[in-house]
Amino acid sequence: MPIGVPKIAYLITGEEEGTWVDVNGLYRRRVLFLGQAIEREVANQIIGIIAFLSIDDSSLDHYLFINSPGGSLIGGIGIYDMMQGVKPDVHTFALGVVASMASFILAGGTITKRLAYPHSRVMIHQPASSYFQAPTGDFVMEIETVIEVREKITQTYARRTGQHYVIIWCDMERDCFMSATEAKAYGVVDLLTVDQ
């Protein structure tokens, strides 16, 4: 195997011998990774890949592996909305730490197809704001927006986990960390990759 950029063996249609292709070859198999903080560029890349692959062949499921501390509220909601808007099922996998908006994306996978690896940790909490950078007038408008977004996120978590709205609201008041087993009991994921 070549050293440097991660590569996988791939047999290109019409060729007799396999070739080494970079990780983008995994996209052809609908395997996607969210392995960093969710920022505008990362969110747009994932949204674009999901859209392209869905247009390319809407009969193949997507597999999104998540190991992320969370990040942009708008970027995370964009990824979530794209996952809900495509025909293929989106399998989500929790690896390492899946926190904040990343846990929202994890919960957004197709119900019955959301998995957690044994040592993963999932964390939910209320959406944060960058209010400290805004003038006072903007601060008031931003708080109203954050409260509205928090209500929508809480409603979505409640719908996707089966937990009552008030329980989700209270748990999001603080950083609520869960083991893989606890995340399954809570309803953020449906399956564990191995018995624990």
C-alpha atoms as a PDB file:
ATOM      1  CA  MET A   1       0.000   0.000   0.000  1.00  0.00           C
ATOM      2  CA  PRO A   2       1.342   3.464  -0.862  1.00  0.00           C
ATOM      3  CA  ILE A   3       2.436   5.719   1.986  1.00  0.00           C
ATOM      4  CA  GLY A   4       1.068   9.259   2.426  1.00  0.00           C
ATOM      5  CA  VAL A   5      -2.527  10.082   1.597  1.00  0.00           C
ATOM      6  CA  PRO A   6      -4.751   7.236   2.867  1.00  0.00           C
ATOM      7  CA  LYS A   7      -5.592   4.945  -0.039  1.00  0.00           C
ATOM      8  CA  ILE A   8      -7.780   1.919  -0.603  1.00  0.00           C
ATOM      9  CA  ALA A   9      -7.698  -0.800  -3.253  1.00  0.00           C
ATOM     10  CA  TYR A  10     -10.444  -0.252  -5.817  1.00  0.00           C
ATOM     11  CA  LEU A  11     -11.384  -2.134  -8.976  1.00  0.00           C
ATOM     12  CA  ILE A  12     -12.412   0.368 -11.608  1.00  0.00           C
ATOM     13  CA  THR A  13     -15.069  -0.864 -14.030  1.00  0.00           C
ATOM     14  CA  GLY A  14     -13.488  -2.194 -17.210  1.00  0.00           C
ATOM     15  CA  GLU A  15     -10.045  -2.781 -15.716  1.00  0.00           C
ATOM     16  CA  GLU A  16      -8.673  -6.213 -14.937  1.00  0.00           C
ATOM     17  CA  GLU A  17      -6.441  -5.170 -12.064  1.00  0.00           C
ATOM     18  CA  GLY A  18      -7.284  -3.104  -8.992  1.00  0.00           C
ATOM     19  CA  THR A  19      -5.686   0.247  -8.372  1.00  0.00           C
ATOM     20  CA  TRP A  20      -4.959   2.320  -5.282  1.00  0.00           C
ATOM     21  CA  VAL A  21      -7.255   5.323  -4.954  1.00  0.00           C
ATOM     22  CA  ASP A  22      -7.364   7.961  -2.250  1.00  0.00           C
ATOM     23  CA  VAL A  23      -9.986   8.023   0.500  1.00  0.00           C
ATOM     24  CA  ASN A  24     -12.425   9.663  -1.910  1.00  0.00           C
ATOM     25  CA  GLY A  25     -12.886   6.114  -3.203  1.00  0.00           C
ATOM     26  CA  LEU A  26     -14.807   5.477  -0.018  1.00  0.00           C
ATOM     27  CA  TYR A  27     -17.336   8.069  -1.141  1.00  0.00           C
ATOM     28  CA  ARG A  28     -18.160   5.841  -4.109  1.00  0.00           C
ATOM     29  CA  ARG A  29     -19.168   3.239  -1.535  1.00  0.00           C
ATOM     30  CA  ARG A  30     -21.216   5.893   0.323  1.00  0.00           C
ATOM     31  CA  VAL A  31     -18.852   5.889   3.333  1.00  0.00           C
ATOM     32  CA  LEU A  32     -18.521   9.400   4.799  1.00  0.00           C
ATOM     33  CA  PHE A  33     -16.602  10.726   7.793  1.00  0.00           C
ATOM     34  CA  LEU A  34     -17.235  13.634  10.134  1.00  0.00           C
ATOM     35  CA  GLY A  35     -14.009  13.585  12.136  1.00  0.00           C
ATOM     36  CA  GLN A  36     -13.528  17.190  13.206  1.00  0.00           C
ATOM     37  CA  ALA A  37     -15.381  20.209  14.508  1.00  0.00           C
ATOM     38  CA  ILE A  38     -18.362  21.184  12.380  1.00  0.00           C
ATOM     39  CA  GLU A  39     -17.463  24.385  10.588  1.00  0.00           C
ATOM     40  CA  ARG A  40     -19.009  25.955   7.503  1.00  0.00           C
ATOM     41  CA  GLU A  41     -16.541  24.367   5.047  1.00  0.00           C
ATOM     42  CA  VAL A  42     -16.834  20.865   6.564  1.00  0.00           C
ATOM     43  CA  ALA A  43     -20.633  21.089   6.703  1.00  0.00           C
ATOM     44  CA  ASN A  44     -20.826  22.250   3.085  1.00  0.00           C
ATOM     45  CA  GLN A  45     -18.560  19.402   1.952  1.00  0.00           C
ATOM     46  CA  ILE A  46     -20.691  16.764   3.691  1.00  0.00           C
ATOM     47  CA  ILE A  47     -23.919  18.335   2.414  1.00  0.00           C
ATOM     48  CA  GLY A  48     -22.507  18.422  -1.119  1.00  0.00           C
ATOM     49  CA  ILE A  49     -21.265  14.825  -1.000  1.00  0.00           C
ATOM     50  CA  ILE A  50     -24.598  13.524   0.304  1.00  0.00           C
ATOM     51  CA  ALA A  51     -26.460  15.478  -2.389  1.00  0.00           C
ATOM     52  CA  PHE A  52     -24.147  14.299  -5.178  1.00  0.00           C
ATOM     53  CA  LEU A  53     -24.235  10.646  -4.099  1.00  0.00           C
ATOM     54  CA  SER A  54     -28.021  10.741  -3.774  1.00  0.00           C
ATOM     55  CA  ILE A  55     -28.353  12.130  -7.288  1.00  0.00           C
ATOM     56  CA  ASP A  56     -25.799   9.633  -8.598  1.00  0.00           C
ATOM     57  CA  ASP A  57     -27.685   6.599  -7.231  1.00  0.00           C
ATOM     58  CA  SER A  58     -30.581   7.064  -4.820  1.00  0.00           C
ATOM     59  CA  SER A  59     -30.912   3.325  -4.205  1.00  0.00           C
ATOM     60  CA  LEU A  60     -27.686   3.020  -2.168  1.00  0.00           C
ATOM     61  CA  ASP A  61     -27.608   3.834   1.558  1.00  0.00           C
ATOM     62  CA  HIS A  62     -25.096   6.280   3.056  1.00  0.00           C
ATOM     63  CA  TYR A  63     -22.834   5.462   6.040  1.00  0.00           C
ATOM     64  CA  LEU A  64     -21.734   8.444   8.152  1.00  0.00           C
ATOM     65  CA  PHE A  65     -19.044   7.795  10.789  1.00  0.00           C
ATOM     66  CA  ILE A  66     -18.959  10.562  13.405  1.00  0.00           C
ATOM     67  CA  ASN A  67     -16.141  11.460  15.817  1.00  0.00           C
ATOM     68  CA  SER A  68     -16.650  15.166  16.408  1.00  0.00           C
ATOM     69  CA  PRO A  69     -16.785  17.665  19.268  1.00  0.00           C
ATOM     70  CA  GLY A  70     -19.673  19.435  17.539  1.00  0.00           C
ATOM     71  CA  GLY A  71     -19.464  22.986  16.321  1.00  0.00           C
ATOM     72  CA  SER A  72     -21.524  25.258  14.118  1.00  0.00           C
ATOM     73  CA  LEU A  73     -25.230  25.253  14.874  1.00  0.00           C
ATOM     74  CA  ILE A  74     -26.156  26.298  11.334  1.00  0.00           C
ATOM     75  CA  GLY A  75     -23.730  23.824   9.728  1.00  0.00           C
ATOM     76  CA  GLY A  76     -25.028  20.949  11.870  1.00  0.00           C
ATOM     77  CA  ILE A  77     -28.649  21.756  11.109  1.00  0.00           C
ATOM     78  CA  GLY A  78     -27.752  21.907   7.405  1.00  0.00           C
ATOM     79  CA  ILE A  79     -26.242  18.399   7.514  1.00  0.00           C
ATOM     80  CA  TYR A  80     -29.250  17.125   9.481  1.00  0.00           C
ATOM     81  CA  ASP A  81     -31.706  18.654   6.983  1.00  0.00           C
ATOM     82  CA  MET A  82     -29.827  17.149   4.021  1.00  0.00           C
ATOM     83  CA  MET A  83     -29.904  13.710   5.692  1.00  0.00           C
ATOM     84  CA  GLN A  84     -33.672  14.019   6.101  1.00  0.00           C
ATOM     85  CA  GLY A  85     -34.153  15.291   2.560  1.00  0.00           C
ATOM     86  CA  VAL A  86     -32.526  12.462   0.608  1.00  0.00           C
ATOM     87  CA  LYS A  87     -34.152   9.201  -0.405  1.00  0.00           C
ATOM     88  CA  PRO A  88     -31.392   6.786   0.707  1.00  0.00           C
ATOM     89  CA  ASP A  89     -31.208   5.730   4.339  1.00  0.00           C
ATOM     90  CA  VAL A  90     -28.368   7.345   6.280  1.00  0.00           C
ATOM     91  CA  HIS A  91     -26.688   5.003   8.759  1.00  0.00           C
ATOM     92  CA  THR A  92     -24.898   6.947  11.507  1.00  0.00           C
ATOM     93  CA  PHE A  93     -22.069   5.549  13.637  1.00  0.00           C
ATOM     94  CA  ALA A  94     -20.749   7.047  16.893  1.00  0.00           C
ATOM     95  CA  LEU A  95     -16.970   6.712  17.306  1.00  0.00           C
ATOM     96  CA  GLY A  96     -14.922   8.379  20.029  1.00  0.00           C
ATOM     97  CA  VAL A  97     -16.681  11.538  21.208  1.00  0.00           C
ATOM     98  CA  VAL A  98     -19.880  12.660  19.514  1.00  0.00           C
ATOM     99  CA  ALA A  99     -20.830  15.920  21.193  1.00  0.00           C
ATOM    100  CA  SER A 100     -23.142  18.871  20.762  1.00  0.00           C
ATOM    101  CA  MET A 101     -24.255  19.300  17.115  1.00  0.00           C
ATOM    102  CA  ALA A 102     -22.501  16.053  16.196  1.00  0.00           C
ATOM    103  CA  SER A 103     -24.902  14.183  18.515  1.00  0.00           C
ATOM    104  CA  PHE A 104     -27.797  15.935  16.777  1.00  0.00           C
ATOM    105  CA  ILE A 105     -26.507  14.613  13.446  1.00  0.00           C
ATOM    106  CA  LEU A 106     -26.045  11.157  14.998  1.00  0.00           C
ATOM    107  CA  ALA A 107     -29.677  11.153  16.144  1.00  0.00           C
ATOM    108  CA  GLY A 108     -30.682  12.296  12.645  1.00  0.00           C
ATOM    109  CA  GLY A 109     -29.687   9.001  11.066  1.00  0.00           C
ATOM    110  CA  THR A 110     -32.386   6.658   9.834  1.00  0.00           C
ATOM    111  CA  ILE A 111     -34.155   5.229  12.875  1.00  0.00           C
ATOM    112  CA  THR A 112     -33.044   1.608  13.466  1.00  0.00           C
ATOM    113  CA  LYS A 113     -29.779   2.404  11.622  1.00  0.00           C
ATOM    114  CA  ARG A 114     -28.009   4.552  14.243  1.00  0.00           C
ATOM    115  CA  LEU A 115     -25.121   2.700  15.895  1.00  0.00           C
ATOM    116  CA  ALA A 116     -22.570   3.360  18.628  1.00  0.00           C
ATOM    117  CA  TYR A 117     -19.212   1.702  19.087  1.00  0.00           C
ATOM    118  CA  PRO A 118     -18.524   0.381  22.604  1.00  0.00           C
ATOM    119  CA  HIS A 119     -16.177   3.121  23.814  1.00  0.00           C
ATOM    120  CA  SER A 120     -17.936   6.059  22.221  1.00  0.00           C
ATOM    121  CA  ARG A 121     -19.320   8.918  24.309  1.00  0.00           C
ATOM    122  CA  VAL A 122     -22.316  11.002  23.300  1.00  0.00           C
ATOM    123  CA  MET A 123     -23.049  14.455  24.717  1.00  0.00           C
ATOM    124  CA  ILE A 124     -26.088  16.681  24.297  1.00  0.00           C
ATOM    125  CA  HIS A 125     -26.456  20.252  25.533  1.00  0.00           C
ATOM    126  CA  GLN A 126     -28.226  23.469  24.697  1.00  0.00           C
ATOM    127  CA  PRO A 127     -27.151  25.464  21.643  1.00  0.00           C
ATOM    128  CA  ALA A 128     -24.609  28.177  22.373  1.00  0.00           C
ATOM    129  CA  SER A 129     -24.355  31.659  20.947  1.00  0.00           C
ATOM    130  CA  SER A 130     -21.556  34.032  20.080  1.00  0.00           C
ATOM    131  CA  TYR A 131     -23.393  36.866  21.845  1.00  0.00           C
ATOM    132  CA  PHE A 132     -20.253  38.196  23.497  1.00  0.00           C
ATOM    133  CA  GLN A 133     -19.128  39.508  20.099  1.00  0.00           C
ATOM    134  CA  ALA A 134     -22.370  41.324  19.278  1.00  0.00           C
ATOM    135  CA  PRO A 135     -23.573  44.844  20.144  1.00  0.00           C
ATOM    136  CA  THR A 136     -26.424  45.038  22.688  1.00  0.00           C
ATOM    137  CA  GLY A 137     -29.241  45.375  20.130  1.00  0.00           C
ATOM    138  CA  ASP A 138     -27.948  42.402  18.147  1.00  0.00           C
ATOM    139  CA  PHE A 139     -27.549  40.461  21.399  1.00  0.00           C
ATOM    140  CA  VAL A 140     -31.303  40.643  22.140  1.00  0.00           C
ATOM    141  CA  MET A 141     -32.227  39.499  18.617  1.00  0.00           C
ATOM    142  CA  GLU A 142     -29.644  36.710  18.775  1.00  0.00           C
ATOM    143  CA  ILE A 143     -30.976  35.428  22.104  1.00  0.00           C
ATOM    144  CA  GLU A 144     -34.490  35.215  20.642  1.00  0.00           C
ATOM    145  CA  THR A 145     -33.129  33.255  17.683  1.00  0.00           C
ATOM    146  CA  VAL A 146     -31.127  30.898  19.908  1.00  0.00           C
ATOM    147  CA  ILE A 147     -34.210  30.205  22.066  1.00  0.00           C
ATOM    148  CA  GLU A 148     -36.272  29.462  18.942  1.00  0.00           C
ATOM    149  CA  VAL A 149     -33.574  27.158  17.565  1.00  0.00           C
ATOM    150  CA  ARG A 150     -33.229  25.446  20.934  1.00  0.00           C
ATOM    151  CA  GLU A 151     -36.968  24.710  20.969  1.00  0.00           C
ATOM    152  CA  LYS A 152     -36.768  23.185  17.481  1.00  0.00           C
ATOM    153  CA  ILE A 153     -33.708  21.107  18.381  1.00  0.00           C
ATOM    154  CA  THR A 154     -35.402  19.917  21.576  1.00  0.00           C
ATOM    155  CA  GLN A 155     -38.527  18.947  19.617  1.00  0.00           C
ATOM    156  CA  THR A 156     -36.387  17.054  17.104  1.00  0.00           C
ATOM    157  CA  TYR A 157     -34.452  15.194  19.816  1.00  0.00           C
ATOM    158  CA  ALA A 158     -37.764  14.296  21.491  1.00  0.00           C
ATOM    159  CA  ARG A 159     -39.225  12.992  18.241  1.00  0.00           C
ATOM    160  CA  ARG A 160     -36.108  11.023  17.265  1.00  0.00           C
ATOM    161  CA  THR A 161     -35.287   9.574  20.699  1.00  0.00           C
ATOM    162  CA  GLY A 162     -38.766   8.902  22.062  1.00  0.00           C
ATOM    163  CA  GLN A 163     -37.950  10.927  25.185  1.00  0.00           C
ATOM    164  CA  HIS A 164     -40.430  13.487  26.498  1.00  0.00           C
ATOM    165  CA  TYR A 165     -39.792  17.112  25.469  1.00  0.00           C
ATOM    166  CA  VAL A 166     -39.374  18.252  29.098  1.00  0.00           C
ATOM    167  CA  ILE A 167     -36.769  15.541  29.808  1.00  0.00           C
ATOM    168  CA  ILE A 168     -34.741  16.598  26.762  1.00  0.00           C
ATOM    169  CA  TRP A 169     -35.069  20.280  27.713  1.00  0.00           C
ATOM    170  CA  CYS A 170     -33.824  19.619  31.269  1.00  0.00           C
ATOM    171  CA  ASP A 171     -30.989  17.333  30.138  1.00  0.00           C
ATOM    172  CA  MET A 172     -29.810  19.970  27.674  1.00  0.00           C
ATOM    173  CA  GLU A 173     -29.433  22.534  30.488  1.00  0.00           C
ATOM    174  CA  ARG A 174     -25.990  21.085  31.149  1.00  0.00           C
ATOM    175  CA  ASP A 175     -23.515  18.903  29.288  1.00  0.00           C
ATOM    176  CA  CYS A 176     -25.197  15.493  29.430  1.00  0.00           C
ATOM    177  CA  PHE A 177     -22.575  12.822  28.670  1.00  0.00           C
ATOM    178  CA  MET A 178     -23.658   9.259  27.937  1.00  0.00           C
ATOM    179  CA  SER A 179     -21.830   6.009  27.350  1.00  0.00           C
ATOM    180  CA  ALA A 180     -22.780   4.002  24.273  1.00  0.00           C
ATOM    181  CA  THR A 181     -25.138   1.895  26.396  1.00  0.00           C
ATOM    182  CA  GLU A 182     -26.727   4.998  27.947  1.00  0.00           C
ATOM    183  CA  ALA A 183     -27.094   6.616  24.498  1.00  0.00           C
ATOM    184  CA  LYS A 184     -28.971   3.508  23.336  1.00  0.00           C
ATOM    185  CA  ALA A 185     -31.246   3.576  26.398  1.00  0.00           C
ATOM    186  CA  TYR A 186     -31.850   7.304  25.813  1.00  0.00           C
ATOM    187  CA  GLY A 187     -32.743   6.697  22.146  1.00  0.00           C
ATOM    188  CA  VAL A 188     -29.946   8.657  20.469  1.00  0.00           C
ATOM    189  CA  VAL A 189     -28.760   5.395  18.870  1.00  0.00           C
ATOM    190  CA  ASP A 190     -30.599   2.165  18.185  1.00  0.00           C
ATOM    191  CA  LEU A 191     -27.843  -0.442  18.260  1.00  0.00           C
ATOM    192  CA  LEU A 192     -24.459  -1.118  19.782  1.00  0.00           C
ATOM    193  CA  THR A 193     -21.803  -2.625  17.533  1.00  0.00           C
ATOM    194  CA  VAL A 194     -20.990  -5.333  20.107  1.00  0.00           C
ATOM    195  CA  ASP A 195     -22.631  -6.568  23.290  1.00  0.00           C
ATOM    196  CA  GLN A 196     -21.525  -4.613  26.329  1.00  0.00           C
END
